[in-house]
Amino acid sequence: MSFNHTFITRLLRYYHGCEAVSADDFTPPNDDQITYLCDLGLGPVAFNTYGKLLQAENPDGYSLLQSADLTTRVIYRQMESAAAELIKDLQNAGIKPVLLKGISTAFEYYSPPHLRLMGDIDILIAETEADAAMSRVAELGYEISDQDWQLYRKKGHHHLPAAYNPDSGITVEVHTGLFVPNEPMAAEPLFQPENLSAHSTEFDYKGIRASRFSPELQFVYTIAHWGVDGGWAINLASINDVVHILRRHEAAFDFELLSGWVTANPWIRANVFALVSYLGHAGMINISPSMEDLLTLAGKNIYGRRRELLAELLQKYPMNGSAGVPDPYEMERARSLWVELTRPGYRDTQIPLSRLRIAIQSIHHGKYNPLRRLLRIYRYLLSVVRPNAS
């Protein structure tokens, strides 16, 4: 099957060694594409992948990527030091946190680790440990605004209010769950505390004993969280995490365990099927017979226009970038459609209604909404017609 590569898929193929980078066939990214890569946190990846080739073709672009790389190195060192201090302090208080997202995947999969940009340090603890954990976080100099506390107490959440350290500039998010409580993903058996604990493993983090998810759980959780993330349309960091996980661990995966999870947790199926299938078609990973069987299981009720549209959304949004970062309204509509398409039991006949509902729901979100434009035209026509009628 042919695949229409974008400058994003080319970069990730180069980065993961799927395709050799050579001066003969290298097409340098333009200035807008370089800005897009930096905005999405892939600047350091691009710099370390084809920076030397870019230096001759586009010195200004090279300098921008180099600056992104140097800045991210400094930020990562600060976060790494803060994470080590936090883990050690919590463990001294009898709390054993599980590292989540970037602080976990950067250390395990990326070399050098600063290539995985992250905005904060995410850790998971038991709900019963929340008060003690936040007390320790406060003693380390992190602060939470009164407004954030009030909002948390009013609405609840799967993580406590973000804690910011004014001295280091580091933000910590202490999670007691993986998903917003009213989201269907939060109710999946896979993501309940007892299962998370059963599939967490200890490892050495800078000389400190820490915990992270097993490769199988890290794989499924990363995809599931990406699938409902507010920044879905530009979240390339999580996609790159998935590629790393599969290239490192897929050969040793417990596919019987994964098949059981796919069977028992319907909300993860379409996300796993769509993303892994796309990565295979793009040549970033090899689809083994065992993975093919898993994808057949996950995608057995995904066909027709629904299957095509999932691939089209991936190609148009996170894996494209030719038009720069989409406006917030377009990003939210794309994310909402993705969430609709990945619902269990979703059918092709529901697609037109989903598109209409998403457009209506965002009608008050700004000038980019198509229905809002129609309303403006309608009101204008009324303003012209009414005076003439009188």
Protein backbone atom coordinates (compact mmCIF):
# COMPACT_ATOMS: atom_id res chain seq x y z
CA MET A 1 0.00 0.00 0.00
CA SER A 2 1.38 3.41 -0.97
CA PHE A 3 1.62 6.07 1.71
CA ASN A 4 1.59 9.84 1.24
CA HIS A 5 4.38 10.97 3.54
CA THR A 6 4.41 14.39 5.18
CA PHE A 7 7.43 16.22 6.54
CA ILE A 8 6.37 14.94 9.99
CA THR A 9 6.27 11.28 8.99
CA ARG A 10 9.59 11.71 7.16
CA LEU A 11 11.17 13.22 10.25
CA LEU A 12 9.96 10.40 12.51
CA ARG A 13 11.13 7.78 10.03
CA TYR A 14 14.57 9.40 9.90
CA TYR A 15 14.67 9.76 13.68
CA HIS A 16 13.79 6.10 14.34
CA GLY A 17 16.20 4.80 11.70
CA CYS A 18 13.46 3.56 9.38
CA GLU A 19 14.94 5.58 6.53
CA ALA A 20 18.49 6.84 6.06
CA VAL A 21 19.03 10.59 5.92
CA SER A 22 21.22 11.53 2.99
CA ALA A 23 22.06 14.82 1.30
CA ASP A 24 20.97 13.39 -2.08
CA ASP A 25 17.29 13.00 -1.22
CA PHE A 26 16.90 15.29 1.80
CA THR A 27 14.18 17.91 1.39
CA PRO A 28 14.78 20.51 4.09
CA PRO A 29 11.76 21.79 6.01
CA ASN A 30 10.83 25.38 5.26
CA ASP A 31 10.74 28.14 7.87
CA ASP A 32 7.05 27.61 8.69
CA GLN A 33 7.59 23.89 9.15
CA ILE A 34 10.58 24.48 11.41
CA THR A 35 8.50 26.86 13.52
CA TYR A 36 5.77 24.21 13.69
CA LEU A 37 8.25 21.58 14.87
CA CYS A 38 9.52 23.89 17.59
CA ASP A 39 5.99 24.81 18.67
CA LEU A 40 5.12 21.12 19.09
CA GLY A 41 8.31 20.17 20.92
CA LEU A 42 9.94 18.32 18.03
CA GLY A 43 12.62 20.94 17.43
CA PRO A 44 15.28 18.98 19.36
CA VAL A 45 14.31 15.77 17.52
CA ALA A 46 14.74 17.51 14.16
CA PHE A 47 18.03 19.11 15.23
CA ASN A 48 19.52 15.80 16.34
CA THR A 49 18.18 13.98 13.26
CA TYR A 50 19.12 16.21 10.34
CA GLY A 51 20.58 19.37 11.86
CA LYS A 52 23.91 19.06 10.05
CA LEU A 53 22.23 18.70 6.66
CA LEU A 54 19.95 21.63 7.41
CA GLN A 55 22.88 23.86 8.37
CA ALA A 56 24.02 24.11 4.77
CA GLU A 57 20.53 24.43 3.29
CA ASN A 58 18.93 26.82 5.77
CA PRO A 59 21.30 28.41 8.32
CA ASP A 60 18.53 30.43 9.98
CA GLY A 61 16.37 27.34 10.36
CA TYR A 62 19.35 25.45 11.74
CA SER A 63 19.92 28.18 14.34
CA LEU A 64 16.27 28.01 15.41
CA LEU A 65 16.41 24.24 15.89
CA GLN A 66 19.75 24.53 17.70
CA SER A 67 18.26 27.10 20.07
CA ALA A 68 15.29 24.81 20.75
CA ASP A 69 17.66 21.94 21.47
CA LEU A 70 19.84 23.93 23.88
CA THR A 71 16.81 25.36 25.70
CA THR A 72 15.23 21.94 26.08
CA ARG A 73 18.47 20.49 27.46
CA VAL A 74 18.44 23.06 30.25
CA ILE A 75 14.74 22.56 30.99
CA TYR A 76 15.12 18.77 31.09
CA ARG A 77 18.05 18.92 33.51
CA GLN A 78 15.97 21.09 35.83
CA MET A 79 13.01 18.73 35.62
CA GLU A 80 15.17 15.65 36.10
CA SER A 81 16.69 17.15 39.25
CA ALA A 82 13.28 18.23 40.56
CA ALA A 83 11.79 14.79 39.87
CA ALA A 84 14.61 13.02 41.73
CA GLU A 85 14.16 15.35 44.71
CA LEU A 86 10.38 14.85 44.69
CA ILE A 87 10.52 11.04 44.42
CA LYS A 88 13.06 10.77 47.24
CA ASP A 89 11.08 13.08 49.51
CA LEU A 90 7.81 11.25 48.91
CA GLN A 91 9.42 7.88 49.51
CA ASN A 92 10.86 9.14 52.80
CA ALA A 93 7.25 9.89 53.73
CA GLY A 94 6.18 6.34 52.82
CA ILE A 95 4.64 7.30 49.46
CA LYS A 96 5.72 5.42 46.33
CA PRO A 97 4.71 7.42 43.25
CA VAL A 98 4.44 6.03 39.72
CA LEU A 99 6.03 8.27 37.09
CA LEU A 100 3.66 9.20 34.27
CA LYS A 101 3.99 10.54 30.73
CA GLY A 102 7.12 12.49 29.76
CA ILE A 103 9.12 12.15 32.96
CA SER A 104 8.82 8.36 32.58
CA THR A 105 9.17 7.92 28.82
CA ALA A 106 12.00 10.46 28.42
CA PHE A 107 14.18 8.55 30.86
CA GLU A 108 13.35 5.10 29.48
CA TYR A 109 13.22 5.59 25.71
CA TYR A 110 14.91 8.79 24.54
CA SER A 111 18.63 9.24 24.03
CA PRO A 112 19.42 11.91 24.95
CA PRO A 113 16.33 12.19 27.18
CA HIS A 114 15.73 15.90 26.55
CA LEU A 115 14.42 14.95 23.09
CA ARG A 116 11.12 14.21 24.87
CA LEU A 117 9.81 17.67 25.70
CA MET A 118 7.47 17.89 28.69
CA GLY A 119 5.61 20.73 30.33
CA ASP A 120 5.49 19.40 33.87
CA ILE A 121 6.24 16.43 36.13
CA ASP A 122 3.34 13.98 36.41
CA ILE A 123 3.16 11.36 39.15
CA LEU A 124 0.45 8.92 40.23
CA ILE A 125 -0.32 8.13 43.88
CA ALA A 126 -3.12 6.43 45.79
CA GLU A 127 -6.06 8.67 46.59
CA THR A 128 -5.54 8.02 50.30
CA GLU A 129 -2.05 9.51 50.02
CA ALA A 130 -3.19 12.82 48.51
CA ASP A 131 -3.05 14.97 51.65
CA ALA A 132 0.34 13.64 52.73
CA ALA A 133 1.75 14.00 49.22
CA MET A 134 0.59 17.59 48.79
CA SER A 135 2.04 18.44 52.20
CA ARG A 136 5.44 17.17 51.05
CA VAL A 137 5.10 19.01 47.73
CA ALA A 138 4.40 22.26 49.59
CA GLU A 139 7.44 21.76 51.83
CA LEU A 140 9.60 21.50 48.70
CA GLY A 141 8.55 25.02 47.74
CA TYR A 142 5.68 24.33 45.34
CA GLU A 143 2.63 26.58 45.50
CA ILE A 144 -1.04 26.20 44.55
CA SER A 145 -3.29 29.22 44.11
CA ASP A 146 -6.42 29.52 46.24
CA GLN A 147 -8.47 29.81 43.05
CA ASP A 148 -7.17 26.46 41.79
CA TRP A 149 -7.95 24.79 45.11
CA GLN A 150 -11.49 26.18 45.06
CA LEU A 151 -12.03 24.95 41.51
CA TYR A 152 -10.71 21.49 42.41
CA ARG A 153 -12.93 21.21 45.51
CA LYS A 154 -15.93 22.31 43.46
CA LYS A 155 -15.51 20.10 40.39
CA GLY A 156 -13.06 17.37 41.38
CA HIS A 157 -10.54 15.96 38.96
CA HIS A 158 -8.20 13.04 38.35
CA HIS A 159 -5.27 15.10 39.56
CA LEU A 160 -4.79 17.67 42.29
CA PRO A 161 -4.26 21.33 41.31
CA ALA A 162 -0.99 21.98 39.51
CA ALA A 163 1.76 22.95 41.96
CA TYR A 164 4.27 25.55 40.74
CA ASN A 165 7.71 26.21 42.18
CA PRO A 166 8.51 29.93 41.71
CA ASP A 167 12.23 29.36 42.29
CA SER A 168 12.79 26.62 39.70
CA GLY A 169 9.85 27.32 37.38
CA ILE A 170 8.87 23.61 37.57
CA THR A 171 5.24 22.48 37.76
CA VAL A 172 4.17 19.19 39.38
CA GLU A 173 0.84 17.45 38.85
CA VAL A 174 -0.05 14.82 41.43
CA HIS A 175 -2.56 12.37 39.95
CA THR A 176 -4.92 10.09 41.83
CA GLY A 177 -6.36 8.72 38.58
CA LEU A 178 -5.54 8.68 34.87
CA PHE A 179 -8.65 10.25 33.36
CA VAL A 180 -11.30 12.82 34.20
CA PRO A 181 -13.83 10.94 36.38
CA ASN A 182 -16.84 11.50 34.10
CA GLU A 183 -15.01 10.30 30.98
CA PRO A 184 -15.89 6.77 29.79
CA MET A 185 -12.18 5.91 29.68
CA ALA A 186 -11.99 6.46 33.46
CA ALA A 187 -14.48 3.63 34.06
CA GLU A 188 -12.57 1.04 32.02
CA PRO A 189 -11.46 -1.91 34.21
CA LEU A 190 -7.91 -1.56 32.87
CA PHE A 191 -7.44 1.86 34.45
CA GLN A 192 -8.69 1.04 37.95
CA PRO A 193 -6.20 1.42 40.86
CA GLU A 194 -5.77 -2.29 41.55
CA ASN A 195 -4.86 -3.02 37.95
CA LEU A 196 -2.49 -0.06 37.72
CA SER A 197 -0.70 -1.28 40.82
CA ALA A 198 -0.48 -4.84 39.48
CA HIS A 199 1.16 -3.64 36.26
CA SER A 200 3.67 -1.15 37.68
CA THR A 201 7.33 -2.05 37.95
CA GLU A 202 10.23 -0.62 39.91
CA PHE A 203 13.32 0.84 38.23
CA ASP A 204 16.35 2.94 39.08
CA TYR A 205 15.84 6.66 38.48
CA LYS A 206 19.08 8.55 39.02
CA GLY A 207 20.03 6.28 41.92
CA ILE A 208 16.52 6.33 43.44
CA ARG A 209 14.01 3.49 43.34
CA ALA A 210 10.97 4.63 41.40
CA SER A 211 7.99 3.02 39.63
CA ARG A 212 6.57 3.14 36.13
CA PHE A 213 4.00 1.18 34.16
CA SER A 214 4.87 -2.12 32.51
CA PRO A 215 5.53 -1.86 28.75
CA GLU A 216 2.08 -3.28 27.92
CA LEU A 217 0.27 -0.84 30.21
CA GLN A 218 2.45 2.07 29.10
CA PHE A 219 1.58 1.26 25.49
CA VAL A 220 -2.19 1.14 26.03
CA TYR A 221 -2.32 4.06 28.49
CA THR A 222 -0.29 6.34 26.23
CA ILE A 223 -2.63 5.68 23.30
CA ALA A 224 -5.78 5.98 25.43
CA HIS A 225 -4.70 9.28 26.99
CA TRP A 226 -3.64 10.67 23.61
CA GLY A 227 -7.04 9.73 22.17
CA VAL A 228 -8.93 12.03 24.56
CA ASP A 229 -6.26 14.68 25.08
CA GLY A 230 -7.37 18.27 24.63
CA GLY A 231 -4.38 18.83 22.34
CA TRP A 232 -5.05 15.68 20.29
CA ALA A 233 -4.66 17.51 16.98
CA ILE A 234 -1.03 18.49 17.73
CA ASN A 235 0.04 15.88 20.29
CA LEU A 236 3.01 14.38 18.51
CA ALA A 237 4.94 13.73 21.73
CA SER A 238 2.59 10.90 22.73
CA ILE A 239 2.62 9.45 19.21
CA ASN A 240 6.42 9.41 19.29
CA ASP A 241 6.27 7.74 22.72
CA VAL A 242 4.13 4.97 21.20
CA VAL A 243 6.62 4.44 18.38
CA HIS A 244 9.45 4.17 20.93
CA ILE A 245 7.50 1.71 23.08
CA LEU A 246 6.64 -0.53 20.14
CA ARG A 247 10.12 -0.52 18.64
CA ARG A 248 11.65 -1.37 22.04
CA HIS A 249 9.16 -3.83 23.52
CA GLU A 250 6.73 -5.18 20.92
CA ALA A 251 8.70 -8.39 20.36
CA ALA A 252 8.40 -9.23 24.08
CA PHE A 253 4.80 -8.07 24.59
CA ASP A 254 2.39 -10.37 26.40
CA PHE A 255 -0.18 -10.45 23.61
CA GLU A 256 -2.52 -12.71 25.55
CA LEU A 257 -2.69 -10.00 28.22
CA LEU A 258 -3.18 -7.26 25.62
CA SER A 259 -5.93 -9.24 23.87
CA GLY A 260 -7.72 -9.62 27.19
CA TRP A 261 -7.51 -5.89 27.77
CA VAL A 262 -8.84 -5.08 24.29
CA THR A 263 -11.74 -7.48 24.83
CA ALA A 264 -12.65 -6.17 28.29
CA ASN A 265 -12.11 -2.45 27.64
CA PRO A 266 -14.11 -1.35 24.58
CA TRP A 267 -13.14 2.34 24.76
CA ILE A 268 -9.49 1.61 23.97
CA ARG A 269 -10.10 -0.51 20.87
CA ALA A 270 -10.51 2.06 18.11
CA ASN A 271 -7.64 4.22 19.38
CA VAL A 272 -5.26 1.25 19.45
CA PHE A 273 -6.41 0.02 16.06
CA ALA A 274 -6.30 3.38 14.28
CA LEU A 275 -2.97 4.67 15.60
CA VAL A 276 -0.96 1.45 15.39
CA SER A 277 -2.34 0.71 11.92
CA TYR A 278 -1.34 4.19 10.78
CA LEU A 279 2.17 3.85 12.20
CA GLY A 280 2.54 0.53 10.41
CA HIS A 281 1.37 1.98 7.07
CA ALA A 282 3.79 4.89 7.53
CA GLY A 283 6.64 2.42 7.98
CA MET A 284 7.58 3.62 11.47
CA ILE A 285 7.00 0.20 13.02
CA ASN A 286 6.80 -3.37 11.78
CA ILE A 287 3.46 -5.08 12.31
CA SER A 288 4.25 -8.58 13.57
CA PRO A 289 1.76 -11.45 13.16
CA SER A 290 0.88 -11.17 16.86
CA MET A 291 0.27 -7.43 16.53
CA GLU A 292 -1.77 -8.07 13.38
CA ASP A 293 -3.98 -10.41 15.38
CA LEU A 294 -4.38 -7.79 18.10
CA LEU A 295 -5.34 -5.15 15.53
CA THR A 296 -7.85 -7.53 13.95
CA LEU A 297 -9.44 -7.98 17.36
CA ALA A 298 -9.40 -4.26 18.14
CA GLY A 299 -10.74 -3.25 14.74
CA LYS A 300 -13.24 -5.99 14.00
CA ASN A 301 -16.19 -3.56 14.06
CA ILE A 302 -14.34 -0.66 12.46
CA TYR A 303 -14.81 -0.54 8.71
CA GLY A 304 -16.04 1.54 5.80
CA ARG A 305 -16.02 5.31 6.01
CA ARG A 306 -15.30 5.28 9.76
CA ARG A 307 -12.00 3.47 9.21
CA GLU A 308 -11.06 5.81 6.36
CA LEU A 309 -11.93 8.93 8.35
CA LEU A 310 -9.80 7.89 11.32
CA ALA A 311 -6.77 7.60 9.03
CA GLU A 312 -7.63 10.88 7.31
CA LEU A 313 -7.83 12.74 10.62
CA LEU A 314 -4.42 11.44 11.65
CA GLN A 315 -2.94 12.46 8.32
CA LYS A 316 -4.56 15.90 8.34
CA TYR A 317 -3.83 16.94 11.91
CA PRO A 318 -1.03 15.57 14.11
CA MET A 319 0.95 14.11 11.21
CA ASN A 320 0.63 17.05 8.80
CA GLY A 321 1.49 20.53 10.04
CA SER A 322 1.78 22.05 6.56
CA ALA A 323 -0.56 24.87 7.54
CA GLY A 324 0.98 25.43 10.98
CA VAL A 325 -0.78 24.98 14.31
CA PRO A 326 -4.55 24.95 13.70
CA ASP A 327 -6.67 27.56 15.47
CA PRO A 328 -8.17 26.36 18.79
CA TYR A 329 -11.66 25.98 17.38
CA GLU A 330 -10.53 23.75 14.55
CA MET A 331 -8.41 21.68 16.94
CA GLU A 332 -11.36 21.14 19.25
CA ARG A 333 -13.63 20.11 16.40
CA ALA A 334 -11.01 17.65 15.15
CA ARG A 335 -10.56 16.20 18.65
CA SER A 336 -14.32 15.94 19.16
CA LEU A 337 -14.77 14.09 15.88
CA TRP A 338 -11.95 11.71 16.80
CA VAL A 339 -13.60 10.98 20.16
CA GLU A 340 -16.91 10.36 18.40
CA LEU A 341 -15.37 8.00 15.85
CA THR A 342 -13.60 5.96 18.55
CA ARG A 343 -16.74 5.34 20.59
CA PRO A 344 -17.63 1.64 20.90
CA GLY A 345 -20.34 0.61 18.45
CA TYR A 346 -20.05 3.74 16.32
CA ARG A 347 -21.36 3.36 12.76
CA ASP A 348 -20.88 5.11 9.42
CA THR A 349 -24.49 6.30 9.43
CA GLN A 350 -23.74 8.42 12.52
CA ILE A 351 -20.97 10.45 10.88
CA PRO A 352 -23.13 13.24 9.34
CA LEU A 353 -25.00 13.76 12.63
CA SER A 354 -21.72 13.81 14.56
CA ARG A 355 -20.30 16.49 12.28
CA LEU A 356 -23.45 18.60 12.68
CA ARG A 357 -23.54 18.18 16.45
CA ILE A 358 -19.88 19.14 16.82
CA ALA A 359 -20.39 22.25 14.69
CA ILE A 360 -23.45 23.27 16.72
CA GLN A 361 -21.67 22.68 20.03
CA SER A 362 -18.87 25.02 19.00
CA ILE A 363 -21.11 27.70 17.52
CA HIS A 364 -20.24 30.19 20.26
CA HIS A 365 -16.50 29.47 20.23
CA GLY A 366 -15.52 32.10 17.70
CA LYS A 367 -15.32 33.33 14.15
CA TYR A 368 -13.89 30.08 12.76
CA ASN A 369 -17.11 28.12 13.24
CA PRO A 370 -18.84 27.57 9.86
CA LEU A 371 -22.32 27.88 11.35
CA ARG A 372 -21.37 31.16 12.97
CA ARG A 373 -20.32 32.42 9.55
CA LEU A 374 -23.70 31.38 8.10
CA LEU A 375 -25.46 33.18 10.94
CA ARG A 376 -23.50 36.35 10.20
CA ILE A 377 -24.47 36.13 6.53
CA TYR A 378 -28.11 35.49 7.49
CA ARG A 379 -28.18 38.47 9.84
CA TYR A 380 -26.57 40.66 7.23
CA LEU A 381 -29.16 39.67 4.66
CA LEU A 382 -31.93 40.42 7.15
CA SER A 383 -30.43 43.86 7.79
CA VAL A 384 -30.53 44.55 4.05
CA VAL A 385 -33.97 43.09 3.38
CA ARG A 386 -35.89 44.61 6.31
CA PRO A 387 -35.27 48.29 5.45
CA ASN A 388 -36.24 47.63 1.83
CA ALA A 389 -39.39 45.82 2.93
CA SER A 390 -40.49 48.77 5.02
